[in-house]
C-alpha atoms as a PDB file:
ATOM      1  CA  MET A   1     -71.598 150.818 247.479  1.00  0.00           C
ATOM      2  CA  LEU A   2     -68.109 150.030 247.140  1.00  0.00           C
ATOM      3  CA  THR A   3     -67.160 147.767 244.424  1.00  0.00           C
ATOM      4  CA  LYS A   4     -63.518 145.906 244.021  1.00  0.00           C
ATOM      5  CA  ILE A   5     -62.094 145.093 240.697  1.00  0.00           C
ATOM      6  CA  GLN A   6     -59.273 142.648 240.688  1.00  0.00           C
ATOM      7  CA  ILE A   7     -56.796 143.031 237.878  1.00  0.00           C
ATOM      8  CA  THR A   8     -54.502 139.828 237.000  1.00  0.00           C
ATOM      9  CA  GLY A   9     -52.044 139.116 234.689  1.00  0.00           C
ATOM     10  CA  ASP A  10     -48.594 137.754 233.904  1.00  0.00           C
ATOM     11  CA  ILE A  11     -45.364 139.447 233.986  1.00  0.00           C
ATOM     12  CA  LEU A  12     -42.714 138.034 231.848  1.00  0.00           C
ATOM     13  CA  VAL A  13     -39.119 138.855 232.564  1.00  0.00           C
ATOM     14  CA  GLU A  14     -37.413 139.174 228.998  1.00  0.00           C
ATOM     15  CA  THR A  15     -34.017 140.299 230.473  1.00  0.00           C
ATOM     16  CA  GLY A  16     -32.258 139.679 233.842  1.00  0.00           C
ATOM     17  CA  MET A  17     -34.188 141.608 236.523  1.00  0.00           C
ATOM     18  CA  HIS A  18     -32.720 142.895 239.741  1.00  0.00           C
ATOM     19  CA  ILE A  19     -34.957 144.319 242.521  1.00  0.00           C
ATOM     20  CA  GLY A  20     -32.575 144.637 245.511  1.00  0.00           C
ATOM     21  CA  GLY A  21     -32.734 143.009 248.678  1.00  0.00           C
ATOM     22  CA  SER A  22     -31.022 143.348 252.009  1.00  0.00           C
ATOM     23  CA  THR A  23     -27.119 142.881 252.268  1.00  0.00           C
ATOM     24  CA  ALA A  24     -27.183 143.794 255.780  1.00  0.00           C
ATOM     25  CA  PHE A  25     -25.823 140.079 256.784  1.00  0.00           C
ATOM     26  CA  ALA A  26     -23.839 139.269 253.700  1.00  0.00           C
ATOM     27  CA  ALA A  27     -20.657 137.116 254.239  1.00  0.00           C
ATOM     28  CA  ILE A  28     -17.424 138.123 252.621  1.00  0.00           C
ATOM     29  CA  GLY A  29     -17.303 136.318 249.083  1.00  0.00           C
ATOM     30  CA  THR A  30     -21.035 136.356 248.377  1.00  0.00           C
ATOM     31  CA  VAL A  31     -22.953 138.364 245.985  1.00  0.00           C
ATOM     32  CA  ASP A  32     -22.747 142.365 246.627  1.00  0.00           C
ATOM     33  CA  ALA A  33     -26.005 142.995 245.253  1.00  0.00           C
ATOM     34  CA  PRO A  34     -28.799 140.108 245.980  1.00  0.00           C
ATOM     35  CA  VAL A  35     -32.397 140.199 244.808  1.00  0.00           C
ATOM     36  CA  ILE A  36     -35.417 140.604 247.100  1.00  0.00           C
ATOM     37  CA  LYS A  37     -36.801 137.270 247.867  1.00  0.00           C
ATOM     38  CA  ASP A  38     -39.661 135.571 249.801  1.00  0.00           C
ATOM     39  CA  SER A  39     -38.672 134.481 253.383  1.00  0.00           C
ATOM     40  CA  ARG A  40     -40.797 131.451 253.351  1.00  0.00           C
ATOM     41  CA  THR A  41     -39.811 129.880 249.839  1.00  0.00           C
ATOM     42  CA  ASN A  42     -36.550 131.866 249.058  1.00  0.00           C
ATOM     43  CA  LEU A  43     -37.943 132.803 245.572  1.00  0.00           C
ATOM     44  CA  PRO A  44     -37.657 135.973 244.089  1.00  0.00           C
ATOM     45  CA  ILE A  45     -40.740 138.384 244.107  1.00  0.00           C
ATOM     46  CA  ILE A  46     -41.759 141.665 242.586  1.00  0.00           C
ATOM     47  CA  PRO A  47     -42.689 143.835 245.558  1.00  0.00           C
ATOM     48  CA  GLY A  48     -45.893 145.673 245.174  1.00  0.00           C
ATOM     49  CA  SER A  49     -44.381 148.744 245.953  1.00  0.00           C
ATOM     50  CA  SER A  50     -41.870 148.608 243.253  1.00  0.00           C
ATOM     51  CA  PHE A  51     -44.392 148.048 240.851  1.00  0.00           C
ATOM     52  CA  LYS A  52     -46.448 150.915 241.965  1.00  0.00           C
ATOM     53  CA  GLY A  53     -43.559 153.355 242.441  1.00  0.00           C
ATOM     54  CA  LYS A  54     -42.225 152.715 238.834  1.00  0.00           C
ATOM     55  CA  MET A  55     -45.702 152.926 237.244  1.00  0.00           C
ATOM     56  CA  ARG A  56     -46.307 155.999 239.082  1.00  0.00           C
ATOM     57  CA  SER A  57     -42.997 157.564 238.193  1.00  0.00           C
ATOM     58  CA  LEU A  58     -43.449 157.059 234.543  1.00  0.00           C
ATOM     59  CA  LEU A  59     -47.136 158.195 234.365  1.00  0.00           C
ATOM     60  CA  ALA A  60     -46.200 161.311 236.223  1.00  0.00           C
ATOM     61  CA  LYS A  61     -43.617 162.251 233.555  1.00  0.00           C
ATOM     62  CA  GLU A  62     -46.017 161.837 230.919  1.00  0.00           C
ATOM     63  CA  MET A  63     -49.064 163.616 232.455  1.00  0.00           C
ATOM     64  CA  ASN A  64     -47.932 165.955 234.792  1.00  0.00           C
ATOM     65  CA  SER A  65     -47.306 169.284 233.203  1.00  0.00           C
ATOM     66  CA  SER A  66     -43.988 169.774 235.329  1.00  0.00           C
ATOM     67  CA  VAL A  67     -41.984 168.181 237.637  1.00  0.00           C
ATOM     68  CA  VAL A  68     -43.695 168.121 241.044  1.00  0.00           C
ATOM     69  CA  ALA A  69     -43.857 166.346 244.324  1.00  0.00           C
ATOM     70  CA  PRO A  70     -46.133 163.243 244.403  1.00  0.00           C
ATOM     71  CA  ASP A  71     -48.667 164.854 246.433  1.00  0.00           C
ATOM     72  CA  ASP A  72     -49.014 167.468 243.642  1.00  0.00           C
ATOM     73  CA  ASP A  73     -49.609 165.075 240.745  1.00  0.00           C
ATOM     74  CA  CYS A  74     -52.262 165.771 238.311  1.00  0.00           C
ATOM     75  CA  GLU A  75     -55.857 164.583 239.454  1.00  0.00           C
ATOM     76  CA  GLU A  76     -55.643 161.400 237.298  1.00  0.00           C
ATOM     77  CA  LEU A  77     -52.683 160.178 239.282  1.00  0.00           C
ATOM     78  CA  ALA A  78     -53.954 161.316 242.636  1.00  0.00           C
ATOM     79  CA  ARG A  79     -56.908 159.277 241.979  1.00  0.00           C
ATOM     80  CA  LEU A  80     -55.244 155.917 241.116  1.00  0.00           C
ATOM     81  CA  PHE A  81     -52.299 156.323 243.498  1.00  0.00           C
ATOM     82  CA  GLY A  82     -53.403 158.866 246.256  1.00  0.00           C
ATOM     83  CA  THR A  83     -52.615 162.006 247.783  1.00  0.00           C
ATOM     84  CA  ALA A  84     -51.751 163.285 251.334  1.00  0.00           C
ATOM     85  CA  LYS A  85     -52.037 166.946 250.292  1.00  0.00           C
ATOM     86  CA  LYS A  86     -53.550 168.912 252.927  1.00  0.00           C
ATOM     87  CA  GLY A  87     -57.142 169.858 251.797  1.00  0.00           C
ATOM     88  CA  LYS A  88     -56.699 167.143 248.995  1.00  0.00           C
ATOM     89  CA  VAL A  89     -56.289 163.902 250.724  1.00  0.00           C
ATOM     90  CA  MET A  90     -57.237 161.023 248.600  1.00  0.00           C
ATOM     91  CA  PRO A  91     -56.686 157.377 249.337  1.00  0.00           C
ATOM     92  CA  SER A  92     -55.177 155.194 246.569  1.00  0.00           C
ATOM     93  CA  ARG A  93     -57.703 153.288 244.515  1.00  0.00           C
ATOM     94  CA  LEU A  94     -55.127 150.889 243.288  1.00  0.00           C
ATOM     95  CA  LEU A  95     -53.840 148.281 245.919  1.00  0.00           C
ATOM     96  CA  PHE A  96     -50.809 146.559 244.727  1.00  0.00           C
ATOM     97  CA  ALA A  97     -49.950 142.911 246.098  1.00  0.00           C
ATOM     98  CA  ASP A  98     -46.192 141.623 246.181  1.00  0.00           C
ATOM     99  CA  MET A  99     -46.259 139.255 243.144  1.00  0.00           C
ATOM    100  CA  ASN A 100     -44.798 135.869 243.474  1.00  0.00           C
ATOM    101  CA  LEU A 101     -42.846 133.639 240.953  1.00  0.00           C
ATOM    102  CA  ALA A 102     -45.502 131.508 239.109  1.00  0.00           C
ATOM    103  CA  ASN A 103     -43.526 129.218 236.735  1.00  0.00           C
ATOM    104  CA  GLU A 104     -41.002 127.580 238.879  1.00  0.00           C
ATOM    105  CA  GLU A 105     -41.603 124.001 237.816  1.00  0.00           C
ATOM    106  CA  GLU A 106     -41.249 125.226 234.388  1.00  0.00           C
ATOM    107  CA  LEU A 107     -37.879 126.627 234.921  1.00  0.00           C
ATOM    108  CA  ARG A 108     -36.441 123.546 236.798  1.00  0.00           C
ATOM    109  CA  LYS A 109     -37.669 121.392 233.825  1.00  0.00           C
ATOM    110  CA  ALA A 110     -35.612 123.475 231.509  1.00  0.00           C
ATOM    111  CA  GLY A 111     -32.620 122.550 233.596  1.00  0.00           C
ATOM    112  CA  LEU A 112     -32.386 125.650 235.984  1.00  0.00           C
ATOM    113  CA  GLN A 113     -31.073 124.544 239.248  1.00  0.00           C
ATOM    114  CA  SER A 114     -30.948 128.239 240.854  1.00  0.00           C
ATOM    115  CA  LEU A 115     -33.772 130.620 239.637  1.00  0.00           C
ATOM    116  CA  THR A 116     -31.352 133.424 239.909  1.00  0.00           C
ATOM    117  CA  GLU A 117     -28.139 134.377 237.933  1.00  0.00           C
ATOM    118  CA  VAL A 118     -25.161 136.391 239.042  1.00  0.00           C
ATOM    119  CA  LYS A 119     -23.773 138.859 236.690  1.00  0.00           C
ATOM    120  CA  PHE A 120     -20.277 140.238 237.207  1.00  0.00           C
ATOM    121  CA  GLU A 121     -19.796 143.760 236.406  1.00  0.00           C
ATOM    122  CA  ASN A 122     -16.802 146.416 236.363  1.00  0.00           C
ATOM    123  CA  THR A 123     -16.881 149.846 237.154  1.00  0.00           C
ATOM    124  CA  ILE A 124     -13.758 151.671 235.904  1.00  0.00           C
ATOM    125  CA  ASN A 125     -11.994 154.706 237.638  1.00  0.00           C
ATOM    126  CA  ARG A 126     -11.274 156.983 234.675  1.00  0.00           C
ATOM    127  CA  ALA A 127      -8.607 158.836 236.626  1.00  0.00           C
ATOM    128  CA  THR A 128      -6.764 155.833 237.497  1.00  0.00           C
ATOM    129  CA  ALA A 129      -8.159 153.102 235.421  1.00  0.00           C
ATOM    130  CA  VAL A 130      -8.587 151.048 238.526  1.00  0.00           C
ATOM    131  CA  ALA A 131     -11.379 148.554 237.958  1.00  0.00           C
ATOM    132  CA  ASN A 132     -13.871 147.652 240.650  1.00  0.00           C
ATOM    133  CA  PRO A 133     -15.532 144.347 240.174  1.00  0.00           C
ATOM    134  CA  ARG A 134     -19.021 143.534 241.659  1.00  0.00           C
ATOM    135  CA  GLN A 135     -21.636 140.649 241.466  1.00  0.00           C
ATOM    136  CA  ILE A 136     -25.361 141.530 240.962  1.00  0.00           C
ATOM    137  CA  GLU A 137     -27.869 138.902 241.317  1.00  0.00           C
ATOM    138  CA  ARG A 138     -30.704 138.772 238.776  1.00  0.00           C
ATOM    139  CA  VAL A 139     -33.934 137.009 238.266  1.00  0.00           C
ATOM    140  CA  VAL A 140     -33.463 134.891 235.089  1.00  0.00           C
ATOM    141  CA  ARG A 141     -34.961 135.715 231.772  1.00  0.00           C
ATOM    142  CA  GLY A 142     -38.281 133.599 231.207  1.00  0.00           C
ATOM    143  CA  SER A 143     -39.360 134.136 234.885  1.00  0.00           C
ATOM    144  CA  VAL A 144     -43.149 134.884 235.083  1.00  0.00           C
ATOM    145  CA  PHE A 145     -44.795 136.826 237.790  1.00  0.00           C
ATOM    146  CA  LYS A 146     -48.282 136.843 238.586  1.00  0.00           C
ATOM    147  CA  MET A 147     -49.817 140.456 238.740  1.00  0.00           C
ATOM    148  CA  ASP A 148     -52.461 141.001 241.359  1.00  0.00           C
ATOM    149  CA  VAL A 149     -53.903 144.372 241.571  1.00  0.00           C
ATOM    150  CA  VAL A 150     -57.330 145.551 243.051  1.00  0.00           C
ATOM    151  CA  TYR A 151     -58.897 148.589 242.041  1.00  0.00           C
ATOM    152  CA  ASN A 152     -61.424 150.282 244.363  1.00  0.00           C
ATOM    153  CA  VAL A 153     -64.557 152.091 243.132  1.00  0.00           C
ATOM    154  CA  ASP A 154     -67.754 153.336 244.798  1.00  0.00           C
ATOM    155  CA  SER A 155     -70.971 154.398 243.253  1.00  0.00           C
ATOM    156  CA  LYS A 156     -70.310 157.926 243.545  1.00  0.00           C
ATOM    157  CA  HIS A 157     -67.153 157.956 241.367  1.00  0.00           C
ATOM    158  CA  GLU A 158     -68.269 154.972 238.909  1.00  0.00           C
ATOM    159  CA  ASP A 159     -68.252 157.244 235.666  1.00  0.00           C
ATOM    160  CA  GLU A 160     -64.195 157.725 236.577  1.00  0.00           C
ATOM    161  CA  LEU A 161     -63.601 153.909 236.170  1.00  0.00           C
ATOM    162  CA  ILE A 162     -62.932 153.782 232.472  1.00  0.00           C
ATOM    163  CA  PRO A 163     -60.718 157.022 232.264  1.00  0.00           C
ATOM    164  CA  ASP A 164     -58.996 155.301 235.409  1.00  0.00           C
ATOM    165  CA  MET A 165     -58.677 151.798 233.681  1.00  0.00           C
ATOM    166  CA  LYS A 166     -57.064 153.988 230.414  1.00  0.00           C
ATOM    167  CA  THR A 167     -54.464 155.460 232.919  1.00  0.00           C
ATOM    168  CA  PHE A 168     -53.642 152.256 234.200  1.00  0.00           C
ATOM    169  CA  ALA A 169     -53.395 150.579 230.771  1.00  0.00           C
ATOM    170  CA  GLU A 170     -50.982 153.517 229.736  1.00  0.00           C
ATOM    171  CA  GLY A 171     -49.037 152.791 232.946  1.00  0.00           C
ATOM    172  CA  LEU A 172     -48.644 149.204 231.826  1.00  0.00           C
ATOM    173  CA  LYS A 173     -47.507 150.160 228.256  1.00  0.00           C
ATOM    174  CA  LEU A 174     -44.929 152.590 229.605  1.00  0.00           C
ATOM    175  CA  LEU A 175     -43.364 150.039 231.671  1.00  0.00           C
ATOM    176  CA  GLN A 176     -43.006 147.436 228.814  1.00  0.00           C
ATOM    177  CA  PHE A 177     -40.999 149.976 226.918  1.00  0.00           C
ATOM    178  CA  ASP A 178     -39.230 151.284 229.951  1.00  0.00           C
ATOM    179  CA  TYR A 179     -37.790 148.695 232.854  1.00  0.00           C
ATOM    180  CA  LEU A 180     -38.616 147.377 236.212  1.00  0.00           C
ATOM    181  CA  GLY A 181     -35.945 147.183 238.995  1.00  0.00           C
ATOM    182  CA  GLY A 182     -32.331 148.598 238.678  1.00  0.00           C
ATOM    183  CA  ASN A 183     -29.957 149.009 235.905  1.00  0.00           C
ATOM    184  CA  GLY A 184     -32.069 149.329 233.097  1.00  0.00           C
ATOM    185  CA  SER A 185     -29.889 151.182 231.161  1.00  0.00           C
ATOM    186  CA  ARG A 186     -27.619 148.435 230.897  1.00  0.00           C
ATOM    187  CA  GLY A 187     -30.194 146.044 229.616  1.00  0.00           C
ATOM    188  CA  TYR A 188     -31.940 145.108 233.035  1.00  0.00           C
ATOM    189  CA  GLY A 189     -35.549 144.698 233.603  1.00  0.00           C
ATOM    190  CA  LYS A 190     -37.476 144.484 230.189  1.00  0.00           C
ATOM    191  CA  VAL A 191     -40.806 142.800 231.237  1.00  0.00           C
ATOM    192  CA  VAL A 192     -44.046 142.291 229.053  1.00  0.00           C
ATOM    193  CA  PHE A 193     -47.556 141.963 230.419  1.00  0.00           C
ATOM    194  CA  GLN A 194     -49.815 138.952 229.270  1.00  0.00           C
ATOM    195  CA  ASN A 195     -53.171 137.812 229.640  1.00  0.00           C
ATOM    196  CA  VAL A 196     -54.329 140.905 231.510  1.00  0.00           C
ATOM    197  CA  LYS A 197     -57.667 140.858 232.773  1.00  0.00           C
ATOM    198  CA  ALA A 198     -60.184 142.471 235.276  1.00  0.00           C
ATOM    199  CA  LYS A 199     -63.192 140.788 237.420  1.00  0.00           C
ATOM    200  CA  VAL A 200     -65.406 141.937 240.105  1.00  0.00           C
ATOM    201  CA  VAL A 201     -64.672 140.324 243.228  1.00  0.00           C
ATOM    202  CA  THR A 202     -66.810 142.124 245.373  1.00  0.00           C
ATOM    203  CA  GLY A 203     -69.869 144.351 244.849  1.00  0.00           C
ATOM    204  CA  SER A 204     -71.367 144.756 241.257  1.00  0.00           C
ATOM    205  CA  LEU A 205     -70.941 146.107 238.088  1.00  0.00           C
ATOM    206  CA  ASP A 206     -72.521 146.341 234.552  1.00  0.00           C
ATOM    207  CA  GLU A 207     -71.131 143.422 232.402  1.00  0.00           C
ATOM    208  CA  GLN A 208     -70.636 145.960 229.423  1.00  0.00           C
ATOM    209  CA  ILE A 209     -68.505 148.223 231.742  1.00  0.00           C
ATOM    210  CA  ILE A 210     -66.343 145.479 233.202  1.00  0.00           C
ATOM    211  CA  ASN A 211     -66.101 144.056 229.384  1.00  0.00           C
ATOM    212  CA  GLN A 212     -65.072 147.733 228.141  1.00  0.00           C
ATOM    213  CA  CYS A 213     -62.115 147.491 231.231  1.00  0.00           C
ATOM    214  CA  ASN A 214     -60.850 144.203 229.757  1.00  0.00           C
ATOM    215  CA  GLU A 215     -60.788 145.692 226.165  1.00  0.00           C
ATOM    216  CA  ILE A 216     -58.741 148.645 227.468  1.00  0.00           C
ATOM    217  CA  LEU A 217     -56.472 146.213 229.431  1.00  0.00           C
ATOM    218  CA  ALA A 218     -55.600 144.166 226.378  1.00  0.00           C
ATOM    219  CA  VAL A 219     -52.094 146.099 226.164  1.00  0.00           C
END
């Protein structure tokens, strides 16, 4: 029997965040590095792939005994994120949705006309001292995105649910003390997770187990 647990929460952006979008058709004089946006609303999003990749990378540094290819990750990570290694193929138990901006109205009421900002930066050639200016678009501080992750568990592996939740919670903790997106060493992309909760959306699970999951996820 397959049970699906939906993990939701708020991702609060504490410093300007840049997750890059396409510059293929940028006109002269426009932003050098735009953020990725939803094509229907033109609002910034956090791609599920960016969130998943960053979390897996941080957990791999903490939990693997050495630097390895993703398909050689330790069993705990292979269970959560999947592996295509021959003889050890596992589908990902975690499904990450793209994460949409949740507080547009609040930001507009605060007086923001644009929900992104453009930060001007320079790189300096050390040999010539020539400056190379660039414009980087960032999601504004105070933006909130809705986290939406689904965890798949079947009855044969129900005993691995709590260890998996502990690994996922550790990934959230690591992200809070790192950054999401690019340019983190320059102060970009600090995020905080709030109101993280798990609930069964299909199948069934003992209430005590889901309560234990929520205690673990209270990062």
